[in-house]
Amino acid sequence: MTRHDTITPMTPLDELRANVSVPFNQARAMPKSVYTSPEFAEAEVRQIFAKEWLCAGRAEALANPGDYLTMQIAGEPIIILRDRDGSLRGMSNVCRHRMSTLLEGRGNVRSIVCPYHAWTYNLDGSLRGAPAMGLNEGFCKDKIALPQIRVESWLGWIMVTLNEGAPDPAEQLKDVENLVGYLDMASYRETFREEFRWATNWKVLAENFMESYHLPVCHSGTIGGSVDLMKMTCPEGYPSFNYHYIMKNDTIPLSLAHPSNTALQGDQRRITWLLSVYPALLITLTPGYFWYLCLTPDGPGHVNVLYGGGMSADWCADPDAASHLATVKALLDDVNIEDKGCVERVYQGLCAGLSGPGALSHLERPNFEFAQWIAARVGQ
């Protein structure tokens, strides 16, 4: 009898761990399986998105009591709202009666009314009223409330998590403030907020943001001419985020400090920061404007994107602010169209039989650190 040894195939996580075990100067792009495997995508939802701090956009999007937005975290429907005391509050978006979802989209409410049987909740999630329940002896209105979700405002961002034990964002992301605190992100004002869905893996879009190596080619019709590959800097990142920065020329005035701003000096007046807060908050921050993406995976092959942006306080006060913003918003929309083509083509290539990951440029250090971060969390 001949004995045959059985070789166990490597899992996507095995492949990824092997991929990130080498020094950066020998690094290659992540294995295809971590983008295309349904099982790996499900593991990311359970072990990353259900545990980490995620961003729901800017706090000024919920300016008044009763302002709300809805989102899903790891399949859990969530309401984020401004309560009557002016605090941000997160809670389940599922009625405690027959489990209908309660609110949709964004808006303003004085109370939360279930569209199924009109059970009504206060803005703190406590049950205010429930029609025709008086004959049920086990019903006690005062003991019923929507489960609460952790929400924090961090530098003007709405951060939310299902994980009761996660460190506060201010603690976890203190190095972000040390790095770019001189720009005072909390004082910037959002002027647009949109949502869309692209046919690519969420990590492909995240990685696209993390490197500016692609700018001269992918964005040759828009911003490619405003950057120089040899003037891009990609330092080592931090445990909770990576970053790189670009010294901008005068092509886009709104990306520079406002002429009236005397606080920013030297290079501070023209540096554009690209911050990738793990897992899925991507921020471009300039002295004049900002824009961001918040990513939610939708299976291996799609990503839901929250896209927003606005201007710094001094540019908001400029008499020509509206025209400056319109120019930049039109530019960013064109940049998004270019990025959509790039990241969807990458996912198509990932699904091809003859494709394989290539070596990384020194300008793709953030991508390698992102891969290390993913490998450290999936499989826990």
Protein backbone atom coordinates (compact mmCIF):
# COMPACT_ATOMS: atom_id res chain seq x y z
CA MET A 1 0.00 0.00 0.00
CA THR A 2 1.33 3.41 -0.98
CA ARG A 3 0.89 6.15 1.52
CA HIS A 4 0.11 9.60 0.14
CA ASP A 5 0.72 12.63 2.31
CA THR A 6 -2.18 15.09 2.28
CA ILE A 7 -1.24 18.70 1.71
CA THR A 8 -3.71 21.12 3.26
CA PRO A 9 -4.39 24.10 0.99
CA MET A 10 -3.50 27.50 2.40
CA THR A 11 -6.43 29.61 3.53
CA PRO A 12 -6.67 33.30 2.53
CA LEU A 13 -5.53 34.19 6.05
CA ASP A 14 -2.52 31.85 5.74
CA GLU A 15 -1.64 33.50 2.44
CA LEU A 16 -1.99 36.98 3.91
CA ARG A 17 0.14 36.18 6.97
CA ALA A 18 2.87 34.79 4.72
CA ASN A 19 2.56 37.90 2.55
CA VAL A 20 3.20 40.33 5.42
CA SER A 21 5.93 38.29 7.10
CA VAL A 22 8.66 39.76 4.87
CA PRO A 23 10.44 43.13 5.26
CA PHE A 24 8.81 46.04 3.46
CA ASN A 25 11.58 46.26 0.87
CA GLN A 26 10.57 42.75 -0.27
CA ALA A 27 6.81 43.32 -0.06
CA ARG A 28 4.22 42.36 -2.63
CA ALA A 29 0.56 43.32 -3.00
CA MET A 30 -1.94 41.30 -0.95
CA PRO A 31 -2.96 37.85 -2.22
CA LYS A 32 -5.99 37.75 -4.51
CA SER A 33 -7.92 35.49 -2.15
CA VAL A 34 -8.25 38.14 0.56
CA TYR A 35 -10.25 40.26 -1.88
CA THR A 36 -12.33 37.60 -3.59
CA SER A 37 -13.08 35.00 -0.88
CA PRO A 38 -16.65 35.19 0.53
CA GLU A 39 -15.42 33.48 3.71
CA PHE A 40 -12.68 36.06 4.21
CA ALA A 41 -15.18 38.87 3.61
CA GLU A 42 -17.47 37.41 6.28
CA ALA A 43 -14.54 37.13 8.71
CA GLU A 44 -13.71 40.81 8.15
CA VAL A 45 -17.26 41.80 9.04
CA ARG A 46 -17.19 39.75 12.26
CA GLN A 47 -13.67 40.49 13.40
CA ILE A 48 -13.07 44.00 12.11
CA PHE A 49 -16.26 45.92 11.37
CA ALA A 50 -18.14 44.54 14.38
CA LYS A 51 -15.26 45.47 16.72
CA GLU A 52 -13.58 48.67 15.49
CA TRP A 53 -14.56 52.33 15.53
CA LEU A 54 -16.30 53.31 12.29
CA CYS A 55 -17.15 56.76 11.02
CA ALA A 56 -20.69 57.98 10.29
CA GLY A 57 -19.54 61.29 8.83
CA ARG A 58 -19.22 64.77 10.30
CA ALA A 59 -20.83 65.85 13.57
CA GLU A 60 -22.19 69.02 11.95
CA ALA A 61 -24.42 66.81 9.79
CA LEU A 62 -26.50 66.39 12.99
CA ALA A 63 -26.65 70.01 14.10
CA ASN A 64 -30.06 70.17 15.80
CA PRO A 65 -31.98 68.08 18.34
CA GLY A 66 -33.81 65.32 16.48
CA ASP A 67 -31.42 65.30 13.51
CA TYR A 68 -30.63 61.69 12.70
CA LEU A 69 -28.89 59.40 10.24
CA THR A 70 -29.04 55.64 9.81
CA MET A 71 -26.32 53.14 9.00
CA GLN A 72 -25.49 49.46 9.26
CA ILE A 73 -22.58 48.04 11.21
CA ALA A 74 -21.84 44.38 10.55
CA GLY A 75 -25.46 43.92 9.48
CA GLU A 76 -26.82 45.72 12.55
CA PRO A 77 -29.23 48.62 11.76
CA ILE A 78 -28.19 51.70 13.76
CA ILE A 79 -29.62 55.18 14.42
CA ILE A 80 -27.26 58.05 15.21
CA LEU A 81 -29.03 61.22 16.41
CA ARG A 82 -28.67 64.46 18.31
CA ASP A 83 -30.77 64.18 21.47
CA ARG A 84 -32.66 66.95 23.27
CA ASP A 85 -29.62 67.72 25.43
CA GLY A 86 -27.48 68.25 22.33
CA SER A 87 -25.47 65.05 22.76
CA LEU A 88 -24.80 62.49 20.06
CA ARG A 89 -26.52 59.19 20.77
CA GLY A 90 -26.48 55.80 19.05
CA MET A 91 -29.11 53.11 19.33
CA SER A 92 -30.60 50.09 17.63
CA ASN A 93 -32.81 50.87 14.66
CA VAL A 94 -35.10 47.91 15.42
CA CYS A 95 -38.42 48.15 17.28
CA ARG A 96 -38.66 46.22 20.56
CA HIS A 97 -42.11 44.92 19.59
CA ARG A 98 -42.17 42.91 16.35
CA MET A 99 -38.67 43.97 15.23
CA SER A 100 -39.44 46.27 12.33
CA THR A 101 -36.70 48.70 11.39
CA LEU A 102 -37.68 52.19 12.50
CA LEU A 103 -36.06 55.01 10.53
CA GLU A 104 -34.53 55.29 7.06
CA GLY A 105 -31.95 57.61 5.56
CA ARG A 106 -31.51 60.99 7.24
CA GLY A 107 -33.90 63.57 8.65
CA ASN A 108 -35.26 65.18 11.78
CA VAL A 109 -37.77 63.71 14.23
CA ARG A 110 -39.37 64.80 17.51
CA SER A 111 -39.74 61.14 18.45
CA ILE A 112 -39.10 57.76 16.81
CA VAL A 113 -42.33 56.11 15.66
CA CYS A 114 -42.35 52.53 14.43
CA PRO A 115 -43.96 52.38 10.96
CA TYR A 116 -45.52 48.98 11.78
CA HIS A 117 -47.56 49.40 15.01
CA ALA A 118 -46.68 52.96 16.07
CA TRP A 119 -44.70 52.09 19.16
CA THR A 120 -43.06 55.43 19.93
CA TYR A 121 -39.63 56.12 21.44
CA ASN A 122 -38.11 59.26 22.90
CA LEU A 123 -34.85 60.60 21.49
CA ASP A 124 -32.96 58.81 24.28
CA GLY A 125 -34.43 55.49 23.11
CA SER A 126 -36.88 55.03 25.99
CA LEU A 127 -40.38 53.85 25.08
CA ARG A 128 -42.89 56.68 25.22
CA GLY A 129 -46.03 54.88 24.16
CA ALA A 130 -47.42 51.64 22.70
CA PRO A 131 -51.05 51.52 21.49
CA ALA A 132 -53.41 48.80 22.72
CA MET A 133 -50.97 47.13 25.11
CA GLY A 134 -52.89 47.69 28.36
CA LEU A 135 -54.38 44.18 28.51
CA ASN A 136 -50.99 42.44 28.36
CA GLU A 137 -50.09 41.87 32.03
CA GLY A 138 -46.42 41.28 31.23
CA PHE A 139 -46.00 44.58 29.39
CA CYS A 140 -44.08 47.28 31.31
CA LYS A 141 -43.37 50.39 29.25
CA ASP A 142 -40.75 51.71 31.67
CA LYS A 143 -38.57 48.63 31.19
CA ILE A 144 -38.43 48.87 27.39
CA ALA A 145 -35.87 50.92 25.49
CA LEU A 146 -33.81 50.70 22.32
CA PRO A 147 -30.37 49.16 23.00
CA GLN A 148 -27.68 51.85 23.12
CA ILE A 149 -24.59 51.96 20.87
CA ARG A 150 -21.31 53.74 21.70
CA VAL A 151 -20.90 57.04 19.86
CA GLU A 152 -18.16 59.64 20.27
CA SER A 153 -17.36 62.92 18.58
CA TRP A 154 -13.67 62.98 17.65
CA LEU A 155 -12.16 66.07 16.00
CA GLY A 156 -15.54 66.76 14.40
CA TRP A 157 -16.12 63.17 13.23
CA ILE A 158 -18.95 60.88 14.40
CA MET A 159 -17.33 57.64 15.54
CA VAL A 160 -19.45 54.61 16.40
CA THR A 161 -18.73 51.04 17.48
CA LEU A 162 -20.56 47.92 18.62
CA ASN A 163 -17.60 47.09 20.85
CA GLU A 164 -18.18 48.20 24.44
CA GLY A 165 -14.54 47.58 25.27
CA ALA A 166 -12.90 49.56 22.46
CA PRO A 167 -10.56 52.35 23.67
CA ASP A 168 -11.96 55.85 23.15
CA PRO A 169 -11.08 57.36 19.74
CA ALA A 170 -9.28 60.27 21.43
CA GLU A 171 -6.95 57.75 23.09
CA GLN A 172 -6.64 55.35 20.17
CA LEU A 173 -6.04 58.11 17.62
CA LYS A 174 -4.06 60.63 19.69
CA ASP A 175 -1.23 60.48 17.16
CA VAL A 176 -3.54 61.85 14.46
CA GLU A 177 -4.00 64.98 16.55
CA ASN A 178 -0.27 65.17 17.24
CA LEU A 179 0.38 64.99 13.50
CA VAL A 180 -2.24 67.34 12.02
CA GLY A 181 -3.71 69.08 15.06
CA TYR A 182 -2.37 72.41 13.83
CA LEU A 183 -5.10 72.35 11.14
CA ASP A 184 -7.94 72.01 13.71
CA MET A 185 -10.14 69.51 11.83
CA ALA A 186 -13.04 70.15 14.20
CA SER A 187 -13.39 73.69 12.85
CA TYR A 188 -13.82 72.59 9.21
CA ARG A 189 -17.40 72.61 7.93
CA GLU A 190 -18.99 69.95 5.77
CA THR A 191 -20.72 71.29 2.66
CA PHE A 192 -21.66 68.07 0.87
CA ARG A 193 -22.42 64.46 1.79
CA GLU A 194 -23.30 61.73 -0.73
CA GLU A 195 -23.46 57.94 -0.93
CA PHE A 196 -22.71 55.49 -3.73
CA ARG A 197 -21.88 51.82 -4.38
CA TRP A 198 -18.96 50.63 -6.49
CA ALA A 199 -18.18 47.19 -7.92
CA THR A 200 -14.93 46.50 -6.10
CA ASN A 201 -13.67 45.12 -2.81
CA TRP A 202 -13.54 47.66 0.02
CA LYS A 203 -9.81 47.07 0.51
CA VAL A 204 -9.07 47.92 -3.13
CA LEU A 205 -10.67 51.33 -2.65
CA ALA A 206 -8.91 51.82 0.71
CA GLU A 207 -5.54 50.95 -0.82
CA ASN A 208 -6.20 53.27 -3.76
CA PHE A 209 -6.56 56.11 -1.25
CA MET A 210 -3.49 55.06 0.70
CA GLU A 211 -1.05 55.59 -2.15
CA SER A 212 -0.56 58.56 -4.45
CA TYR A 213 1.66 56.54 -6.79
CA HIS A 214 -1.33 56.30 -9.14
CA LEU A 215 -2.08 60.03 -9.30
CA PRO A 216 -0.04 61.08 -12.36
CA VAL A 217 -1.59 58.34 -14.52
CA CYS A 218 -5.06 57.55 -13.16
CA HIS A 219 -5.74 61.25 -12.58
CA SER A 220 -3.93 62.70 -15.58
CA GLY A 221 -7.13 64.54 -16.54
CA THR A 222 -7.59 66.22 -13.15
CA ILE A 223 -5.09 66.46 -10.30
CA GLY A 224 -2.20 64.45 -11.76
CA GLY A 225 -0.33 67.57 -12.77
CA SER A 226 -0.41 69.08 -9.29
CA VAL A 227 1.84 66.43 -7.76
CA ASP A 228 5.39 65.20 -8.23
CA LEU A 229 6.13 61.54 -7.43
CA MET A 230 9.56 62.53 -6.14
CA LYS A 231 8.01 64.95 -3.63
CA MET A 232 5.65 62.41 -2.05
CA THR A 233 6.57 61.24 1.43
CA CYS A 234 5.37 57.93 2.91
CA PRO A 235 6.67 57.61 6.49
CA GLU A 236 6.01 54.63 8.74
CA GLY A 237 2.47 54.74 10.08
CA TYR A 238 0.98 54.22 13.52
CA PRO A 239 -0.89 51.25 15.03
CA SER A 240 -4.33 52.72 14.25
CA PHE A 241 -3.67 54.60 11.01
CA ASN A 242 -1.23 55.20 8.19
CA TYR A 243 -0.58 58.40 6.31
CA HIS A 244 1.38 60.13 3.62
CA TYR A 245 1.60 63.70 2.49
CA ILE A 246 2.14 65.75 -0.64
CA MET A 247 3.58 69.22 -1.06
CA LYS A 248 1.06 70.92 -3.39
CA ASN A 249 1.82 73.62 -5.91
CA ASP A 250 -0.47 76.58 -6.65
CA THR A 251 -2.69 74.75 -9.16
CA ILE A 252 -5.61 74.50 -6.69
CA PRO A 253 -5.78 77.65 -4.52
CA LEU A 254 -8.30 76.13 -2.10
CA SER A 255 -5.77 73.44 -1.15
CA LEU A 256 -3.53 76.16 0.32
CA ALA A 257 -3.92 78.26 3.45
CA HIS A 258 -6.22 81.25 3.00
CA PRO A 259 -4.31 84.50 2.38
CA SER A 260 -5.75 85.93 5.61
CA ASN A 261 -4.41 83.01 7.66
CA THR A 262 -1.26 84.09 9.47
CA ALA A 263 -1.15 81.16 11.92
CA LEU A 264 0.12 78.64 9.38
CA GLN A 265 3.73 79.13 8.36
CA GLY A 266 6.08 77.72 5.73
CA ASP A 267 5.24 74.25 4.46
CA GLN A 268 2.19 74.11 6.75
CA ARG A 269 0.47 76.36 4.22
CA ARG A 270 0.65 73.85 1.36
CA ILE A 271 0.90 70.30 2.75
CA THR A 272 -1.93 67.91 1.81
CA TRP A 273 -2.31 65.06 4.30
CA LEU A 274 -3.83 61.70 3.37
CA LEU A 275 -4.90 59.91 6.55
CA SER A 276 -6.19 56.33 6.54
CA VAL A 277 -7.80 55.60 9.91
CA TYR A 278 -8.28 51.84 10.21
CA PRO A 279 -10.36 50.20 9.07
CA ALA A 280 -12.35 52.46 6.78
CA LEU A 281 -12.13 56.24 7.34
CA LEU A 282 -10.07 57.93 4.62
CA ILE A 283 -9.42 61.67 4.95
CA THR A 284 -7.74 64.11 2.60
CA LEU A 285 -6.93 67.22 4.64
CA THR A 286 -5.55 70.45 3.24
CA PRO A 287 -5.28 73.92 4.83
CA GLY A 288 -8.27 74.96 2.72
CA TYR A 289 -10.59 72.00 2.25
CA PHE A 290 -11.11 68.37 3.15
CA TRP A 291 -12.87 65.39 1.71
CA TYR A 292 -13.41 61.90 3.04
CA LEU A 293 -14.65 58.38 2.31
CA CYS A 294 -16.24 56.00 4.85
CA LEU A 295 -16.35 52.43 3.52
CA THR A 296 -18.76 49.59 4.28
CA PRO A 297 -18.09 46.24 2.60
CA ASP A 298 -20.95 44.63 0.69
CA GLY A 299 -19.68 41.12 0.06
CA PRO A 300 -16.32 40.57 -1.66
CA GLY A 301 -17.19 42.47 -4.83
CA HIS A 302 -18.96 45.66 -3.76
CA VAL A 303 -18.41 48.54 -1.38
CA ASN A 304 -20.87 51.14 -0.07
CA VAL A 305 -19.26 54.55 0.19
CA LEU A 306 -20.11 57.65 2.21
CA TYR A 307 -18.42 60.59 0.47
CA GLY A 308 -18.31 64.08 1.92
CA GLY A 309 -16.23 67.20 2.23
CA GLY A 310 -16.09 70.90 2.95
CA MET A 311 -13.82 73.81 3.82
CA SER A 312 -11.72 75.24 6.61
CA ALA A 313 -13.22 78.05 8.68
CA ASP A 314 -11.24 80.86 7.03
CA TRP A 315 -12.14 79.70 3.53
CA CYS A 316 -15.79 79.37 4.60
CA ALA A 317 -15.69 83.05 5.57
CA ASP A 318 -14.26 84.13 2.21
CA PRO A 319 -16.73 86.23 0.14
CA ASP A 320 -16.02 83.96 -2.85
CA ALA A 321 -16.31 80.74 -0.85
CA ALA A 322 -19.23 79.41 -2.89
CA SER A 323 -17.43 79.69 -6.21
CA HIS A 324 -14.19 78.26 -4.80
CA LEU A 325 -16.11 75.33 -3.35
CA ALA A 326 -18.04 74.72 -6.57
CA THR A 327 -14.75 74.55 -8.47
CA VAL A 328 -13.21 72.08 -6.02
CA LYS A 329 -16.38 69.97 -5.74
CA ALA A 330 -16.54 69.64 -9.55
CA LEU A 331 -12.88 68.62 -9.52
CA LEU A 332 -13.39 66.04 -6.75
CA ASP A 333 -16.38 64.56 -8.59
CA ASP A 334 -14.21 64.12 -11.68
CA VAL A 335 -11.47 62.57 -9.53
CA ASN A 336 -14.04 60.13 -8.14
CA ILE A 337 -15.05 59.08 -11.64
CA GLU A 338 -11.41 58.38 -12.45
CA ASP A 339 -10.95 56.42 -9.19
CA LYS A 340 -14.09 54.38 -9.86
CA GLY A 341 -12.66 53.24 -13.17
CA CYS A 342 -9.32 52.37 -11.58
CA VAL A 343 -10.61 50.39 -8.58
CA GLU A 344 -13.26 48.51 -10.56
CA ARG A 345 -10.63 47.48 -13.13
CA VAL A 346 -8.40 46.26 -10.30
CA TYR A 347 -11.18 44.04 -8.95
CA GLN A 348 -11.84 42.65 -12.42
CA GLY A 349 -8.14 41.81 -12.63
CA LEU A 350 -8.16 40.19 -9.20
CA CYS A 351 -10.83 37.79 -10.44
CA ALA A 352 -8.80 36.80 -13.52
CA GLY A 353 -7.05 33.43 -13.61
CA LEU A 354 -3.72 34.66 -14.94
CA SER A 355 -3.30 37.59 -12.54
CA GLY A 356 -1.00 37.70 -9.52
CA PRO A 357 0.20 40.28 -6.96
CA GLY A 358 3.31 42.26 -7.89
CA ALA A 359 6.06 43.99 -5.93
CA LEU A 360 5.23 47.23 -4.08
CA SER A 361 6.84 50.61 -4.69
CA HIS A 362 8.38 52.59 -1.84
CA LEU A 363 5.34 54.87 -2.35
CA GLU A 364 3.05 52.01 -1.27
CA ARG A 365 4.31 51.58 2.29
CA PRO A 366 0.82 52.43 3.67
CA ASN A 367 -0.64 49.53 1.67
CA PHE A 368 1.78 47.10 3.29
CA GLU A 369 0.99 48.42 6.77
CA PHE A 370 -2.72 48.08 6.02
CA ALA A 371 -2.17 44.46 5.01
CA GLN A 372 -0.31 43.86 8.29
CA TRP A 373 -3.19 45.41 10.23
CA ILE A 374 -5.77 43.22 8.46
CA ALA A 375 -3.67 40.10 9.06
CA ALA A 376 -3.42 40.90 12.78
CA ARG A 377 -7.20 41.14 13.22
CA VAL A 378 -8.77 38.49 11.03
CA GLY A 379 -8.60 35.12 12.74
CA GLN A 380 -8.60 36.49 16.29
